[in-house]
Amino acid sequence: MGATNIWSKTLTADTLSVSASQNVVRISILARQGPVTILGTSTFNGVASDVVTFATGQGVTLTASSTANPIDGITIDASAGGAIADIVLSYQ
């Protein structure tokens, strides 16, 4: 496996989707100005994901169990009126 790369972005008036092919192993999201929404695209026990809304100052960090099983199926949406999300992710 190669080095771990770090990418950071302040997301405004935009969305970002992460899939397994991007090899993301950790992602931190902070709503600097809300609302910022996060939607998982997978199902769990047959139940589809719902949108989770983060208000200003709220955030989450997601970590993959291993580099062989990267994070898959998440969309971060900071496109609603004035939303700002700070994102830092690491990938292989």
C-alpha atoms as a PDB file:
ATOM      1  CA  MET A   1       0.000   0.000   0.000  1.00  0.00           C
ATOM      2  CA  GLY A   2       1.196   3.485  -0.771  1.00  0.00           C
ATOM      3  CA  ALA A   3       1.358   6.503   1.448  1.00  0.00           C
ATOM      4  CA  THR A   4      -1.746   7.953   3.069  1.00  0.00           C
ATOM      5  CA  ASN A   5      -2.769  11.153   1.310  1.00  0.00           C
ATOM      6  CA  ILE A   6      -4.640  14.016   2.988  1.00  0.00           C
ATOM      7  CA  TRP A   7      -7.185  16.210   1.203  1.00  0.00           C
ATOM      8  CA  SER A   8      -9.024  19.168   2.722  1.00  0.00           C
ATOM      9  CA  LYS A   9     -11.781  21.376   1.364  1.00  0.00           C
ATOM     10  CA  THR A  10     -14.231  24.009   2.489  1.00  0.00           C
ATOM     11  CA  LEU A  11     -17.395  23.024   0.672  1.00  0.00           C
ATOM     12  CA  THR A  12     -19.802  25.853  -0.152  1.00  0.00           C
ATOM     13  CA  ALA A  13     -22.817  25.718  -2.472  1.00  0.00           C
ATOM     14  CA  ASP A  14     -21.786  22.222  -3.570  1.00  0.00           C
ATOM     15  CA  THR A  15     -21.942  18.496  -2.819  1.00  0.00           C
ATOM     16  CA  LEU A  16     -19.263  15.845  -2.458  1.00  0.00           C
ATOM     17  CA  SER A  17     -19.777  12.102  -2.928  1.00  0.00           C
ATOM     18  CA  VAL A  18     -17.367   9.420  -1.732  1.00  0.00           C
ATOM     19  CA  SER A  19     -17.254   5.908  -3.178  1.00  0.00           C
ATOM     20  CA  ALA A  20     -15.088   2.862  -2.502  1.00  0.00           C
ATOM     21  CA  SER A  21     -13.085   3.389  -5.695  1.00  0.00           C
ATOM     22  CA  GLN A  22     -11.605   6.574  -4.163  1.00  0.00           C
ATOM     23  CA  ASN A  23     -10.008   4.547  -1.322  1.00  0.00           C
ATOM     24  CA  VAL A  24     -11.040   6.977   1.435  1.00  0.00           C
ATOM     25  CA  VAL A  25     -10.200   5.508   4.847  1.00  0.00           C
ATOM     26  CA  ARG A  26     -11.172   8.438   7.103  1.00  0.00           C
ATOM     27  CA  ILE A  27     -13.317  11.509   6.640  1.00  0.00           C
ATOM     28  CA  SER A  28     -14.131  14.308   9.061  1.00  0.00           C
ATOM     29  CA  ILE A  29     -16.969  16.715   8.339  1.00  0.00           C
ATOM     30  CA  LEU A  30     -17.769  19.864  10.303  1.00  0.00           C
ATOM     31  CA  ALA A  31     -20.726  22.128   9.614  1.00  0.00           C
ATOM     32  CA  ARG A  32     -19.115  25.542   9.903  1.00  0.00           C
ATOM     33  CA  GLN A  33     -22.415  27.068   8.884  1.00  0.00           C
ATOM     34  CA  GLY A  34     -25.508  24.888   8.681  1.00  0.00           C
ATOM     35  CA  PRO A  35     -27.458  23.137   7.579  1.00  0.00           C
ATOM     36  CA  VAL A  36     -25.102  20.535   6.114  1.00  0.00           C
ATOM     37  CA  THR A  37     -26.638  17.170   5.253  1.00  0.00           C
ATOM     38  CA  ILE A  38     -25.074  13.736   4.975  1.00  0.00           C
ATOM     39  CA  LEU A  39     -26.687  10.795   3.227  1.00  0.00           C
ATOM     40  CA  GLY A  40     -25.423   7.242   3.154  1.00  0.00           C
ATOM     41  CA  THR A  41     -26.371   5.397  -0.013  1.00  0.00           C
ATOM     42  CA  SER A  42     -26.344   1.883   1.440  1.00  0.00           C
ATOM     43  CA  THR A  43     -29.081  -0.126   3.105  1.00  0.00           C
ATOM     44  CA  PHE A  44     -28.757  -1.813   6.497  1.00  0.00           C
ATOM     45  CA  ASN A  45     -30.945  -4.809   7.313  1.00  0.00           C
ATOM     46  CA  GLY A  46     -33.075  -3.840   4.330  1.00  0.00           C
ATOM     47  CA  VAL A  47     -33.643  -0.268   5.539  1.00  0.00           C
ATOM     48  CA  ALA A  48     -32.562   2.649   3.328  1.00  0.00           C
ATOM     49  CA  SER A  49     -30.520   5.526   4.757  1.00  0.00           C
ATOM     50  CA  ASP A  50     -32.104   8.825   5.783  1.00  0.00           C
ATOM     51  CA  VAL A  51     -30.557  12.256   5.464  1.00  0.00           C
ATOM     52  CA  VAL A  52     -28.861  13.451   8.653  1.00  0.00           C
ATOM     53  CA  THR A  53     -28.721  17.215   9.100  1.00  0.00           C
ATOM     54  CA  PHE A  54     -25.901  18.919  10.994  1.00  0.00           C
ATOM     55  CA  ALA A  55     -26.353  22.392  12.434  1.00  0.00           C
ATOM     56  CA  THR A  56     -23.532  24.897  12.817  1.00  0.00           C
ATOM     57  CA  GLY A  57     -20.740  23.431  14.957  1.00  0.00           C
ATOM     58  CA  GLN A  58     -21.830  19.808  14.606  1.00  0.00           C
ATOM     59  CA  GLY A  59     -19.776  17.193  12.804  1.00  0.00           C
ATOM     60  CA  VAL A  60     -18.736  13.591  12.465  1.00  0.00           C
ATOM     61  CA  THR A  61     -15.654  11.489  11.712  1.00  0.00           C
ATOM     62  CA  LEU A  62     -16.047   8.199   9.854  1.00  0.00           C
ATOM     63  CA  THR A  63     -13.248   5.624   9.744  1.00  0.00           C
ATOM     64  CA  ALA A  64     -12.991   2.507   7.582  1.00  0.00           C
ATOM     65  CA  SER A  65     -12.188  -0.773   9.293  1.00  0.00           C
ATOM     66  CA  SER A  66      -9.114  -1.204   7.061  1.00  0.00           C
ATOM     67  CA  THR A  67      -7.553   0.056   3.852  1.00  0.00           C
ATOM     68  CA  ALA A  68      -8.970  -3.052   2.164  1.00  0.00           C
ATOM     69  CA  ASN A  69     -12.507  -1.857   3.014  1.00  0.00           C
ATOM     70  CA  PRO A  70     -12.652   1.890   2.294  1.00  0.00           C
ATOM     71  CA  ILE A  71     -15.631   4.152   2.995  1.00  0.00           C
ATOM     72  CA  ASP A  72     -18.325   3.710   0.371  1.00  0.00           C
ATOM     73  CA  GLY A  73     -21.513   5.540  -0.421  1.00  0.00           C
ATOM     74  CA  ILE A  74     -21.736   8.892   1.331  1.00  0.00           C
ATOM     75  CA  THR A  75     -22.871  12.249  -0.015  1.00  0.00           C
ATOM     76  CA  ILE A  76     -22.180  15.517   1.805  1.00  0.00           C
ATOM     77  CA  ASP A  77     -24.431  18.390   0.793  1.00  0.00           C
ATOM     78  CA  ALA A  78     -23.581  22.004   1.604  1.00  0.00           C
ATOM     79  CA  SER A  79     -25.681  23.503  -1.166  1.00  0.00           C
ATOM     80  CA  ALA A  80     -28.557  24.937   0.907  1.00  0.00           C
ATOM     81  CA  GLY A  81     -28.626  28.681   1.536  1.00  0.00           C
ATOM     82  CA  GLY A  82     -25.272  29.660   2.972  1.00  0.00           C
ATOM     83  CA  ALA A  83     -24.181  26.193   4.173  1.00  0.00           C
ATOM     84  CA  ILE A  84     -20.441  25.650   4.677  1.00  0.00           C
ATOM     85  CA  ALA A  85     -18.792  22.311   5.454  1.00  0.00           C
ATOM     86  CA  ASP A  86     -15.128  21.806   6.327  1.00  0.00           C
ATOM     87  CA  ILE A  87     -13.936  18.388   5.143  1.00  0.00           C
ATOM     88  CA  VAL A  88     -10.654  16.581   5.779  1.00  0.00           C
ATOM     89  CA  LEU A  89     -10.162  13.110   4.380  1.00  0.00           C
ATOM     90  CA  SER A  90      -7.366  10.597   4.048  1.00  0.00           C
ATOM     91  CA  TYR A  91      -7.065   8.110   1.220  1.00  0.00           C
ATOM     92  CA  GLN A  92      -4.624   5.561  -0.157  1.00  0.00           C
END
